[in-house]
């Protein structure tokens, strides 16, 4: 059995990354990695779905045991990804999707050279602004901050293996799935299949 892929996905807020992943994750071969955090749950958040909520002591124990793939401290709270669960899923042939911001993604790419990285882009900054305003949930100041952050993040998009532009949602989903299919057709990934065919020749 082939080891599952580690798929690292990043995108600026408002790009529709969540909607793309929602569709992709209907395929039960994927395992969506839920980040750990030491912050308190917000109203409506579910433990194990939005985040895995843990104590500060438990998080620091995981760090000391080298069981974190990546982690960061933000506003006096830890956020991060457990390495052991991801490895277990991959060894069982499950493809793991890690939805993560750019800095964390770059760290994972360094630690895991076999990771497949995908950056989801909006068709334009103007369209991204339109989508953010359409939500109607944030002030002009917050939207401007999000746009500035988005431009900063997009400057790192060329460090990823693939770029998927979310112009039409159906096309973006198809492109995302095409990336995974292409990776599985690579000779080094399909080596077991190749060996089996040759052995039975």
N, C-alpha and C. Protein backbone atom coordinates (compact mmCIF):
# COMPACT_ATOMS: atom_id res chain seq x y z
N UNK A 1 0.85 -1.21 0.00
CA UNK A 1 0.00 0.00 0.00
C UNK A 1 0.88 1.25 0.00
N UNK A 2 0.56 2.17 -0.91
CA UNK A 2 1.31 3.42 -0.97
C UNK A 2 1.01 4.29 0.24
N UNK A 3 2.02 5.01 0.69
CA UNK A 3 1.84 5.97 1.77
C UNK A 3 0.97 7.12 1.26
N UNK A 4 0.09 7.62 2.11
CA UNK A 4 -0.77 8.73 1.71
C UNK A 4 0.02 10.00 1.51
N UNK A 5 -0.55 10.90 0.72
CA UNK A 5 0.07 12.20 0.46
C UNK A 5 -0.17 13.14 1.64
N UNK A 6 0.75 14.08 1.82
CA UNK A 6 0.54 15.21 2.73
C UNK A 6 0.31 16.42 1.85
N UNK A 7 -0.91 16.97 1.91
CA UNK A 7 -1.31 18.07 1.03
C UNK A 7 -1.47 19.33 1.87
N UNK A 8 -0.58 20.30 1.65
CA UNK A 8 -0.59 21.55 2.40
C UNK A 8 -1.31 22.60 1.58
N UNK A 9 -2.34 23.20 2.15
CA UNK A 9 -3.18 24.17 1.42
C UNK A 9 -3.21 25.51 2.15
N UNK A 10 -2.93 26.57 1.40
CA UNK A 10 -3.00 27.93 1.96
C UNK A 10 -3.77 28.83 1.00
N UNK A 11 -4.32 29.90 1.55
CA UNK A 11 -5.02 30.89 0.73
C UNK A 11 -5.34 32.10 1.58
N UNK A 12 -5.39 33.28 0.97
CA UNK A 12 -5.86 34.45 1.72
C UNK A 12 -7.33 34.29 2.11
N UNK A 13 -7.72 34.93 3.18
CA UNK A 13 -9.11 34.91 3.62
C UNK A 13 -10.02 35.44 2.52
N UNK A 14 -11.11 34.70 2.25
CA UNK A 14 -12.07 35.15 1.24
C UNK A 14 -11.88 34.53 -0.12
N UNK A 15 -10.89 33.63 -0.26
CA UNK A 15 -10.61 33.01 -1.56
C UNK A 15 -11.51 31.82 -1.87
N UNK A 16 -12.26 31.36 -0.89
CA UNK A 16 -13.12 30.20 -1.11
C UNK A 16 -12.44 28.87 -0.88
N UNK A 17 -11.32 28.91 -0.18
CA UNK A 17 -10.56 27.68 0.11
C UNK A 17 -11.43 26.67 0.87
N UNK A 18 -12.18 27.17 1.87
CA UNK A 18 -13.02 26.29 2.68
C UNK A 18 -14.08 25.58 1.85
N UNK A 19 -14.65 26.28 0.89
CA UNK A 19 -15.69 25.70 0.02
C UNK A 19 -15.08 24.63 -0.89
N UNK A 20 -13.88 24.88 -1.40
CA UNK A 20 -13.19 23.90 -2.23
C UNK A 20 -12.91 22.64 -1.42
N UNK A 21 -12.37 22.82 -0.21
CA UNK A 21 -12.01 21.67 0.63
C UNK A 21 -13.25 20.89 1.07
N UNK A 22 -14.33 21.59 1.31
CA UNK A 22 -15.58 20.94 1.71
C UNK A 22 -16.00 19.92 0.65
N UNK A 23 -15.85 20.31 -0.60
CA UNK A 23 -16.20 19.42 -1.71
C UNK A 23 -15.21 18.27 -1.83
N UNK A 24 -13.91 18.60 -1.75
CA UNK A 24 -12.86 17.58 -1.87
C UNK A 24 -12.98 16.53 -0.77
N UNK A 25 -13.31 16.99 0.44
CA UNK A 25 -13.35 16.10 1.61
C UNK A 25 -14.56 15.17 1.64
N UNK A 26 -15.42 15.27 0.63
CA UNK A 26 -16.50 14.29 0.51
C UNK A 26 -15.93 12.91 0.19
N UNK A 27 -14.73 12.91 -0.38
CA UNK A 27 -14.00 11.66 -0.61
C UNK A 27 -13.39 11.23 0.72
N UNK A 28 -13.84 10.10 1.25
CA UNK A 28 -13.46 9.68 2.61
C UNK A 28 -12.02 9.17 2.69
N UNK A 29 -11.30 9.11 1.56
CA UNK A 29 -9.88 8.73 1.65
C UNK A 29 -9.04 9.85 2.25
N UNK A 30 -9.60 11.07 2.24
CA UNK A 30 -8.87 12.21 2.79
C UNK A 30 -9.07 12.30 4.30
N UNK A 31 -8.00 12.70 4.99
CA UNK A 31 -8.09 13.00 6.41
C UNK A 31 -7.77 14.48 6.58
N UNK A 32 -8.70 15.22 7.16
CA UNK A 32 -8.49 16.65 7.38
C UNK A 32 -7.84 16.85 8.74
N UNK A 33 -6.64 17.39 8.75
CA UNK A 33 -5.90 17.59 9.99
C UNK A 33 -6.45 18.79 10.76
N UNK A 34 -6.95 18.51 11.96
CA UNK A 34 -7.50 19.58 12.81
C UNK A 34 -6.40 20.08 13.73
N UNK A 35 -6.14 21.38 13.69
CA UNK A 35 -5.07 21.98 14.50
C UNK A 35 -5.39 21.94 15.99
N UNK A 36 -4.33 21.88 16.77
CA UNK A 36 -4.46 22.01 18.23
C UNK A 36 -4.32 23.47 18.62
N UNK A 37 -5.02 23.87 19.66
CA UNK A 37 -4.83 25.21 20.21
C UNK A 37 -5.06 25.20 21.72
N UNK A 38 -4.40 26.14 22.39
CA UNK A 38 -4.59 26.29 23.84
C UNK A 38 -5.62 27.37 24.16
N UNK A 39 -6.13 28.06 23.14
CA UNK A 39 -7.13 29.09 23.44
C UNK A 39 -8.47 28.45 23.77
N UNK A 40 -9.32 29.22 24.42
CA UNK A 40 -10.64 28.72 24.81
C UNK A 40 -11.55 28.66 23.57
N UNK A 41 -12.46 27.69 23.53
CA UNK A 41 -13.39 27.61 22.40
C UNK A 41 -14.29 28.85 22.34
N UNK A 42 -14.54 29.31 21.11
CA UNK A 42 -15.51 30.39 20.92
C UNK A 42 -16.90 29.79 20.80
N UNK A 43 -17.89 30.63 20.92
CA UNK A 43 -19.27 30.16 20.83
C UNK A 43 -19.52 29.46 19.50
N UNK A 44 -20.07 28.25 19.57
CA UNK A 44 -20.38 27.50 18.35
C UNK A 44 -19.26 26.58 17.88
N UNK A 45 -18.05 26.76 18.42
CA UNK A 45 -16.94 25.89 18.00
C UNK A 45 -17.04 24.53 18.69
N UNK A 46 -16.66 23.50 17.93
CA UNK A 46 -16.76 22.13 18.43
C UNK A 46 -15.37 21.53 18.54
N UNK A 47 -15.09 20.96 19.70
CA UNK A 47 -13.79 20.32 19.93
C UNK A 47 -13.62 19.15 18.96
N UNK A 48 -12.48 19.12 18.26
CA UNK A 48 -12.21 18.05 17.31
C UNK A 48 -12.71 18.36 15.91
N UNK A 49 -13.48 19.43 15.76
CA UNK A 49 -13.97 19.83 14.44
C UNK A 49 -13.30 21.14 14.01
N UNK A 50 -13.51 22.19 14.81
CA UNK A 50 -12.86 23.48 14.50
C UNK A 50 -11.39 23.46 14.92
N UNK A 51 -11.17 23.01 16.13
CA UNK A 51 -9.82 22.82 16.71
C UNK A 51 -9.90 21.68 17.70
N UNK A 52 -8.73 21.16 18.06
CA UNK A 52 -8.64 20.30 19.25
C UNK A 52 -8.14 21.20 20.37
N UNK A 53 -8.96 21.42 21.36
CA UNK A 53 -8.63 22.35 22.44
C UNK A 53 -7.91 21.59 23.56
N UNK A 54 -6.69 22.04 23.86
CA UNK A 54 -5.87 21.36 24.88
C UNK A 54 -5.33 22.40 25.87
N UNK A 55 -4.84 21.91 26.98
CA UNK A 55 -4.25 22.81 27.98
C UNK A 55 -2.85 23.24 27.55
N UNK A 56 -2.37 24.30 28.14
CA UNK A 56 -1.02 24.79 27.87
C UNK A 56 0.02 23.72 28.22
N UNK A 57 -0.19 23.05 29.36
CA UNK A 57 0.75 22.01 29.80
C UNK A 57 0.80 20.85 28.80
N UNK A 58 -0.38 20.43 28.33
CA UNK A 58 -0.43 19.32 27.37
C UNK A 58 0.27 19.69 26.06
N UNK A 59 0.07 20.93 25.61
CA UNK A 59 0.69 21.38 24.36
C UNK A 59 2.21 21.40 24.52
N UNK A 60 2.68 21.95 25.62
CA UNK A 60 4.14 22.04 25.85
C UNK A 60 4.76 20.65 26.02
N UNK A 61 3.98 19.70 26.54
CA UNK A 61 4.46 18.31 26.66
C UNK A 61 4.66 17.73 25.25
N UNK A 62 3.72 18.00 24.35
CA UNK A 62 3.83 17.52 22.96
C UNK A 62 5.06 18.12 22.28
N UNK A 63 5.32 19.40 22.55
CA UNK A 63 6.51 20.05 21.99
C UNK A 63 7.77 19.37 22.50
N UNK A 64 7.84 19.14 23.82
CA UNK A 64 9.04 18.54 24.43
C UNK A 64 9.27 17.12 23.95
N UNK A 65 8.18 16.43 23.57
CA UNK A 65 8.29 15.05 23.08
C UNK A 65 8.49 15.01 21.57
N UNK A 66 8.64 16.19 20.95
CA UNK A 66 8.88 16.30 19.50
C UNK A 66 7.74 15.68 18.68
N UNK A 67 6.51 15.91 19.17
CA UNK A 67 5.34 15.34 18.49
C UNK A 67 4.55 16.40 17.70
N UNK A 68 5.13 17.60 17.56
CA UNK A 68 4.48 18.65 16.77
C UNK A 68 5.19 18.81 15.44
N UNK A 69 4.43 18.76 14.37
CA UNK A 69 4.99 19.00 13.04
C UNK A 69 5.37 20.46 12.89
N UNK A 70 4.47 21.33 13.37
CA UNK A 70 4.73 22.77 13.39
C UNK A 70 3.85 23.38 14.47
N UNK A 71 4.30 24.52 15.00
CA UNK A 71 3.48 25.23 15.98
C UNK A 71 3.94 26.69 16.04
N UNK A 72 3.06 27.51 16.56
CA UNK A 72 3.38 28.94 16.73
C UNK A 72 2.60 29.46 17.92
N UNK A 73 3.09 30.55 18.47
CA UNK A 73 2.38 31.21 19.57
C UNK A 73 1.81 32.52 19.04
N UNK A 74 0.53 32.71 19.27
CA UNK A 74 -0.15 33.91 18.77
C UNK A 74 -1.11 34.40 19.84
N UNK A 75 -0.96 35.67 20.24
CA UNK A 75 -1.80 36.27 21.28
C UNK A 75 -1.83 35.40 22.55
N UNK A 76 -0.65 34.96 22.98
CA UNK A 76 -0.47 34.17 24.21
C UNK A 76 -1.13 32.79 24.16
N UNK A 77 -1.43 32.30 22.97
CA UNK A 77 -1.97 30.95 22.82
C UNK A 77 -1.14 30.19 21.79
N UNK A 78 -1.01 28.89 22.01
CA UNK A 78 -0.33 28.02 21.05
C UNK A 78 -1.31 27.53 19.99
N UNK A 79 -0.80 27.38 18.76
CA UNK A 79 -1.53 26.74 17.67
C UNK A 79 -0.54 25.80 16.98
N UNK A 80 -0.99 24.62 16.56
CA UNK A 80 -0.05 23.75 15.88
C UNK A 80 -0.67 22.46 15.38
N UNK A 81 0.20 21.63 14.77
CA UNK A 81 -0.22 20.38 14.13
C UNK A 81 0.57 19.21 14.70
N UNK A 82 -0.15 18.19 15.15
CA UNK A 82 0.52 16.99 15.67
C UNK A 82 1.08 16.14 14.54
N UNK A 83 2.32 15.75 14.70
CA UNK A 83 3.00 14.96 13.68
C UNK A 83 2.58 13.50 13.70
N UNK A 84 2.38 12.93 14.90
CA UNK A 84 2.14 11.49 15.00
C UNK A 84 0.84 11.06 14.35
N UNK A 85 -0.21 11.87 14.49
CA UNK A 85 -1.50 11.52 13.88
C UNK A 85 -1.40 11.57 12.36
N UNK A 86 -0.72 12.61 11.85
CA UNK A 86 -0.55 12.73 10.41
C UNK A 86 0.21 11.54 9.85
N UNK A 87 1.29 11.16 10.51
CA UNK A 87 2.10 10.03 10.04
C UNK A 87 1.30 8.72 10.09
N UNK A 88 0.51 8.55 11.15
CA UNK A 88 -0.31 7.33 11.27
C UNK A 88 -1.30 7.23 10.11
N UNK A 89 -1.95 8.34 9.80
CA UNK A 89 -2.92 8.35 8.70
C UNK A 89 -2.23 8.06 7.36
N UNK A 90 -1.08 8.69 7.15
CA UNK A 90 -0.36 8.49 5.89
C UNK A 90 0.13 7.05 5.75
N UNK A 91 0.60 6.47 6.84
CA UNK A 91 1.07 5.08 6.79
C UNK A 91 -0.08 4.12 6.47
N UNK A 92 -1.31 4.53 6.83
CA UNK A 92 -2.49 3.72 6.52
C UNK A 92 -3.07 4.04 5.14
N UNK A 93 -2.32 4.83 4.35
CA UNK A 93 -2.74 5.11 2.98
C UNK A 93 -3.70 6.27 2.82
N UNK A 94 -4.00 6.99 3.92
CA UNK A 94 -4.92 8.14 3.82
C UNK A 94 -4.15 9.38 3.38
N UNK A 95 -4.74 10.16 2.49
CA UNK A 95 -4.16 11.44 2.09
C UNK A 95 -4.57 12.49 3.11
N UNK A 96 -3.60 13.19 3.67
CA UNK A 96 -3.86 14.16 4.73
C UNK A 96 -3.86 15.58 4.17
N UNK A 97 -4.92 16.32 4.45
CA UNK A 97 -5.00 17.73 4.04
C UNK A 97 -4.73 18.60 5.25
N UNK A 98 -3.74 19.46 5.11
CA UNK A 98 -3.36 20.37 6.17
C UNK A 98 -3.62 21.80 5.68
N UNK A 99 -4.68 22.40 6.21
CA UNK A 99 -5.07 23.78 5.84
C UNK A 99 -4.37 24.71 6.82
N UNK A 100 -3.46 25.53 6.31
CA UNK A 100 -2.57 26.26 7.21
C UNK A 100 -2.12 27.58 6.59
N UNK A 101 -1.81 28.57 7.45
CA UNK A 101 -1.36 29.85 6.93
C UNK A 101 0.07 29.72 6.36
N UNK A 102 0.49 30.74 5.63
CA UNK A 102 1.71 30.66 4.83
C UNK A 102 2.95 30.33 5.66
N UNK A 103 3.16 31.01 6.78
CA UNK A 103 4.39 30.79 7.55
C UNK A 103 4.49 29.35 8.03
N UNK A 104 3.38 28.83 8.56
CA UNK A 104 3.35 27.45 9.00
C UNK A 104 3.55 26.48 7.85
N UNK A 105 2.96 26.82 6.71
CA UNK A 105 3.08 25.97 5.51
C UNK A 105 4.53 25.87 5.05
N UNK A 106 5.23 26.99 5.04
CA UNK A 106 6.63 27.00 4.62
C UNK A 106 7.48 26.16 5.57
N UNK A 107 7.16 26.20 6.86
CA UNK A 107 7.87 25.37 7.84
C UNK A 107 7.63 23.88 7.59
N UNK A 108 6.36 23.53 7.28
CA UNK A 108 6.04 22.14 6.99
C UNK A 108 6.78 21.67 5.73
N UNK A 109 6.84 22.52 4.72
CA UNK A 109 7.53 22.16 3.47
C UNK A 109 9.01 21.86 3.71
N UNK A 110 9.61 22.62 4.64
CA UNK A 110 11.02 22.37 4.97
C UNK A 110 11.18 21.03 5.67
N UNK A 111 10.27 20.74 6.61
CA UNK A 111 10.36 19.50 7.39
C UNK A 111 9.95 18.28 6.58
N UNK A 112 9.02 18.48 5.65
CA UNK A 112 8.47 17.36 4.86
C UNK A 112 8.63 17.65 3.38
N UNK A 113 9.81 17.36 2.82
CA UNK A 113 10.06 17.67 1.41
C UNK A 113 9.11 16.95 0.45
N UNK A 114 8.45 15.87 0.92
CA UNK A 114 7.52 15.16 0.03
C UNK A 114 6.11 15.74 0.07
N UNK A 115 5.89 16.80 0.87
CA UNK A 115 4.56 17.42 0.94
C UNK A 115 4.20 18.05 -0.40
N UNK A 116 2.93 17.98 -0.75
CA UNK A 116 2.40 18.63 -1.95
C UNK A 116 1.76 19.94 -1.49
N UNK A 117 2.21 21.06 -2.01
CA UNK A 117 1.69 22.34 -1.54
C UNK A 117 0.86 23.03 -2.62
N UNK A 118 -0.31 23.51 -2.21
CA UNK A 118 -1.26 24.16 -3.13
C UNK A 118 -1.65 25.52 -2.55
N UNK A 119 -1.51 26.55 -3.35
CA UNK A 119 -1.93 27.90 -2.95
C UNK A 119 -3.16 28.27 -3.76
N UNK A 120 -4.24 28.65 -3.08
CA UNK A 120 -5.48 29.05 -3.75
C UNK A 120 -5.49 30.57 -3.89
N UNK A 121 -5.58 31.02 -5.13
CA UNK A 121 -5.56 32.45 -5.44
C UNK A 121 -6.94 32.95 -5.85
N UNK A 122 -7.28 34.19 -5.54
CA UNK A 122 -8.47 34.80 -6.14
C UNK A 122 -8.13 35.20 -7.57
N UNK A 123 -9.12 35.41 -8.43
CA UNK A 123 -8.82 35.84 -9.80
C UNK A 123 -8.18 37.23 -9.86
N UNK A 124 -8.47 38.06 -8.85
CA UNK A 124 -7.87 39.40 -8.76
C UNK A 124 -8.09 39.92 -7.34
N UNK A 125 -7.31 40.93 -6.97
CA UNK A 125 -7.48 41.55 -5.65
C UNK A 125 -8.84 42.27 -5.60
N UNK A 126 -9.23 42.83 -6.73
CA UNK A 126 -10.53 43.53 -6.80
C UNK A 126 -11.67 42.55 -6.52
N UNK A 127 -11.58 41.35 -7.09
CA UNK A 127 -12.62 40.34 -6.87
C UNK A 127 -12.59 39.85 -5.42
N UNK A 128 -11.40 39.73 -4.86
CA UNK A 128 -11.28 39.33 -3.46
C UNK A 128 -11.96 40.36 -2.57
N UNK A 129 -11.73 41.63 -2.85
CA UNK A 129 -12.37 42.70 -2.08
C UNK A 129 -13.90 42.61 -2.20
N UNK A 130 -14.38 42.33 -3.41
CA UNK A 130 -15.83 42.21 -3.62
C UNK A 130 -16.41 41.07 -2.76
N UNK A 131 -15.69 39.95 -2.73
CA UNK A 131 -16.16 38.80 -1.95
C UNK A 131 -16.17 39.11 -0.46
N UNK A 132 -15.14 39.79 0.01
CA UNK A 132 -15.06 40.14 1.43
C UNK A 132 -16.20 41.10 1.82
N UNK A 133 -16.46 42.07 0.94
CA UNK A 133 -17.53 43.04 1.23
C UNK A 133 -18.91 42.39 1.17
N UNK A 134 -19.04 41.38 0.29
CA UNK A 134 -20.33 40.69 0.13
C UNK A 134 -20.73 39.96 1.41
N UNK A 135 -19.73 39.53 2.19
CA UNK A 135 -20.04 38.86 3.47
C UNK A 135 -20.85 39.77 4.39
N UNK A 136 -20.51 41.08 4.35
CA UNK A 136 -21.22 42.05 5.18
C UNK A 136 -20.99 41.88 6.67
N UNK A 137 -19.84 41.28 7.04
CA UNK A 137 -19.60 40.99 8.46
C UNK A 137 -18.46 41.82 9.04
N UNK A 138 -17.76 42.57 8.20
CA UNK A 138 -16.56 43.26 8.69
C UNK A 138 -16.55 44.72 8.27
N UNK A 139 -15.89 45.55 9.08
CA UNK A 139 -15.78 46.98 8.79
C UNK A 139 -14.78 47.21 7.65
N UNK A 140 -14.79 48.43 7.12
CA UNK A 140 -13.85 48.80 6.06
C UNK A 140 -12.41 48.61 6.52
N UNK A 141 -12.14 48.98 7.77
CA UNK A 141 -10.78 48.85 8.30
C UNK A 141 -10.32 47.39 8.29
N UNK A 142 -11.21 46.51 8.75
CA UNK A 142 -10.86 45.07 8.80
C UNK A 142 -10.67 44.53 7.39
N UNK A 143 -11.54 44.93 6.47
CA UNK A 143 -11.41 44.48 5.08
C UNK A 143 -10.09 44.95 4.49
N UNK A 144 -9.73 46.20 4.75
CA UNK A 144 -8.45 46.72 4.24
C UNK A 144 -7.25 45.96 4.83
N UNK A 145 -7.37 45.60 6.11
CA UNK A 145 -6.31 44.81 6.75
C UNK A 145 -6.20 43.43 6.10
N UNK A 146 -7.37 42.83 5.83
CA UNK A 146 -7.39 41.50 5.20
C UNK A 146 -6.79 41.57 3.79
N UNK A 147 -7.08 42.62 3.06
CA UNK A 147 -6.55 42.77 1.70
C UNK A 147 -5.03 42.96 1.72
N UNK A 148 -4.55 43.75 2.68
CA UNK A 148 -3.10 43.95 2.81
C UNK A 148 -2.41 42.64 3.16
N UNK A 149 -3.04 41.87 4.07
CA UNK A 149 -2.50 40.57 4.46
C UNK A 149 -2.52 39.61 3.27
N UNK A 150 -3.60 39.66 2.49
CA UNK A 150 -3.74 38.79 1.31
C UNK A 150 -2.62 39.04 0.31
N UNK A 151 -2.32 40.31 0.06
CA UNK A 151 -1.25 40.66 -0.89
C UNK A 151 0.09 40.15 -0.37
N UNK A 152 0.30 40.31 0.93
CA UNK A 152 1.54 39.82 1.55
C UNK A 152 1.66 38.29 1.36
N UNK A 153 0.55 37.58 1.61
CA UNK A 153 0.56 36.11 1.47
C UNK A 153 0.76 35.69 0.02
N UNK A 154 0.12 36.41 -0.90
CA UNK A 154 0.22 36.05 -2.32
C UNK A 154 1.64 36.19 -2.85
N UNK A 155 2.43 37.02 -2.20
CA UNK A 155 3.84 37.16 -2.59
C UNK A 155 4.65 35.89 -2.31
N UNK A 156 4.08 34.99 -1.52
CA UNK A 156 4.75 33.71 -1.23
C UNK A 156 4.19 32.56 -2.06
N UNK A 157 3.20 32.84 -2.90
CA UNK A 157 2.53 31.77 -3.66
C UNK A 157 3.49 31.00 -4.56
N UNK A 158 4.54 31.66 -5.04
CA UNK A 158 5.48 30.98 -5.95
C UNK A 158 6.36 29.96 -5.23
N UNK A 159 6.26 29.91 -3.91
CA UNK A 159 7.03 28.91 -3.14
C UNK A 159 6.27 27.58 -3.04
N UNK A 160 5.03 27.56 -3.52
CA UNK A 160 4.20 26.36 -3.49
C UNK A 160 4.37 25.57 -4.79
N UNK A 161 4.03 24.27 -4.75
CA UNK A 161 4.13 23.43 -5.95
C UNK A 161 3.10 23.80 -7.00
N UNK A 162 1.89 24.13 -6.54
CA UNK A 162 0.78 24.38 -7.46
C UNK A 162 0.00 25.62 -7.03
N UNK A 163 -0.58 26.28 -8.04
CA UNK A 163 -1.47 27.41 -7.78
C UNK A 163 -2.82 27.10 -8.43
N UNK A 164 -3.87 27.18 -7.63
CA UNK A 164 -5.24 26.98 -8.12
C UNK A 164 -5.96 28.32 -8.02
N UNK A 165 -6.44 28.83 -9.14
CA UNK A 165 -7.17 30.11 -9.15
C UNK A 165 -8.66 29.83 -9.00
N UNK A 166 -9.25 30.38 -7.95
CA UNK A 166 -10.68 30.17 -7.72
C UNK A 166 -11.48 31.29 -8.37
N UNK A 167 -11.66 31.13 -9.68
CA UNK A 167 -12.50 32.07 -10.44
C UNK A 167 -13.91 31.50 -10.47
N UNK A 168 -14.05 30.33 -11.12
CA UNK A 168 -15.31 29.57 -11.06
C UNK A 168 -15.08 28.40 -10.12
N UNK A 169 -15.94 28.24 -9.13
CA UNK A 169 -15.74 27.25 -8.08
C UNK A 169 -15.58 25.83 -8.64
N UNK A 170 -16.42 25.46 -9.61
CA UNK A 170 -16.36 24.10 -10.18
C UNK A 170 -15.00 23.84 -10.80
N UNK A 171 -14.44 24.84 -11.49
CA UNK A 171 -13.14 24.69 -12.13
C UNK A 171 -12.03 24.56 -11.08
N UNK A 172 -12.14 25.34 -10.00
CA UNK A 172 -11.13 25.31 -8.94
C UNK A 172 -11.13 23.93 -8.26
N UNK A 173 -12.31 23.37 -8.02
CA UNK A 173 -12.41 22.04 -7.41
C UNK A 173 -11.80 21.00 -8.35
N UNK A 174 -12.12 21.10 -9.65
CA UNK A 174 -11.57 20.16 -10.65
C UNK A 174 -10.05 20.28 -10.71
N UNK A 175 -9.53 21.50 -10.65
CA UNK A 175 -8.08 21.72 -10.70
C UNK A 175 -7.41 21.11 -9.47
N UNK A 176 -8.02 21.31 -8.32
CA UNK A 176 -7.48 20.76 -7.06
C UNK A 176 -7.38 19.24 -7.17
N UNK A 177 -8.46 18.61 -7.63
CA UNK A 177 -8.48 17.15 -7.76
C UNK A 177 -7.48 16.68 -8.81
N UNK A 178 -7.29 17.48 -9.87
CA UNK A 178 -6.34 17.13 -10.93
C UNK A 178 -4.91 17.12 -10.40
N UNK A 179 -4.60 18.05 -9.49
CA UNK A 179 -3.27 18.09 -8.87
C UNK A 179 -2.99 16.78 -8.14
N UNK A 180 -3.96 16.34 -7.33
CA UNK A 180 -3.77 15.11 -6.55
C UNK A 180 -3.64 13.90 -7.49
N UNK A 181 -4.46 13.87 -8.53
CA UNK A 181 -4.39 12.76 -9.49
C UNK A 181 -3.03 12.73 -10.17
N UNK A 182 -2.55 13.91 -10.57
CA UNK A 182 -1.23 14.00 -11.24
C UNK A 182 -0.12 13.50 -10.32
N UNK A 183 -0.19 13.86 -9.04
CA UNK A 183 0.83 13.43 -8.09
C UNK A 183 0.85 11.90 -7.96
N UNK A 184 -0.33 11.30 -8.01
CA UNK A 184 -0.41 9.84 -7.85
C UNK A 184 -0.02 9.09 -9.12
N UNK A 185 0.07 9.81 -10.23
CA UNK A 185 0.51 9.19 -11.48
C UNK A 185 2.02 9.31 -11.69
N UNK A 186 2.69 10.03 -10.79
CA UNK A 186 4.15 10.16 -10.90
C UNK A 186 4.79 8.80 -10.68
N UNK A 187 5.87 8.56 -11.40
CA UNK A 187 6.52 7.25 -11.37
C UNK A 187 6.99 6.86 -9.97
N UNK A 188 7.52 7.84 -9.20
CA UNK A 188 8.03 7.48 -7.88
C UNK A 188 6.90 7.10 -6.92
N UNK A 189 5.72 7.73 -7.09
CA UNK A 189 4.59 7.39 -6.23
C UNK A 189 3.99 6.03 -6.63
N UNK A 190 3.93 5.78 -7.93
CA UNK A 190 3.31 4.57 -8.45
C UNK A 190 4.29 3.40 -8.56
N UNK A 191 5.42 3.50 -7.85
CA UNK A 191 6.48 2.48 -7.97
C UNK A 191 5.98 1.08 -7.60
N UNK A 192 5.16 0.98 -6.56
CA UNK A 192 4.65 -0.33 -6.15
C UNK A 192 3.83 -0.97 -7.26
N UNK A 193 3.00 -0.16 -7.92
CA UNK A 193 2.18 -0.67 -9.03
C UNK A 193 3.09 -1.12 -10.17
N UNK A 194 4.08 -0.30 -10.48
CA UNK A 194 5.05 -0.61 -11.54
C UNK A 194 5.77 -1.91 -11.24
N UNK A 195 6.25 -2.06 -10.00
CA UNK A 195 6.97 -3.27 -9.61
C UNK A 195 6.09 -4.51 -9.74
N UNK A 196 4.80 -4.34 -9.35
CA UNK A 196 3.85 -5.46 -9.41
C UNK A 196 3.63 -5.90 -10.85
N UNK A 197 3.45 -4.94 -11.75
CA UNK A 197 3.23 -5.25 -13.17
C UNK A 197 4.42 -5.98 -13.76
N UNK A 198 5.61 -5.48 -13.46
CA UNK A 198 6.84 -6.08 -14.01
C UNK A 198 7.05 -7.49 -13.43
N UNK A 199 6.76 -7.64 -12.14
CA UNK A 199 6.95 -8.94 -11.46
C UNK A 199 6.06 -10.01 -12.08
N UNK A 200 4.86 -9.59 -12.48
CA UNK A 200 3.89 -10.55 -13.03
C UNK A 200 3.93 -10.64 -14.56
N UNK A 201 4.99 -10.07 -15.15
CA UNK A 201 5.09 -10.09 -16.61
C UNK A 201 5.35 -11.50 -17.12
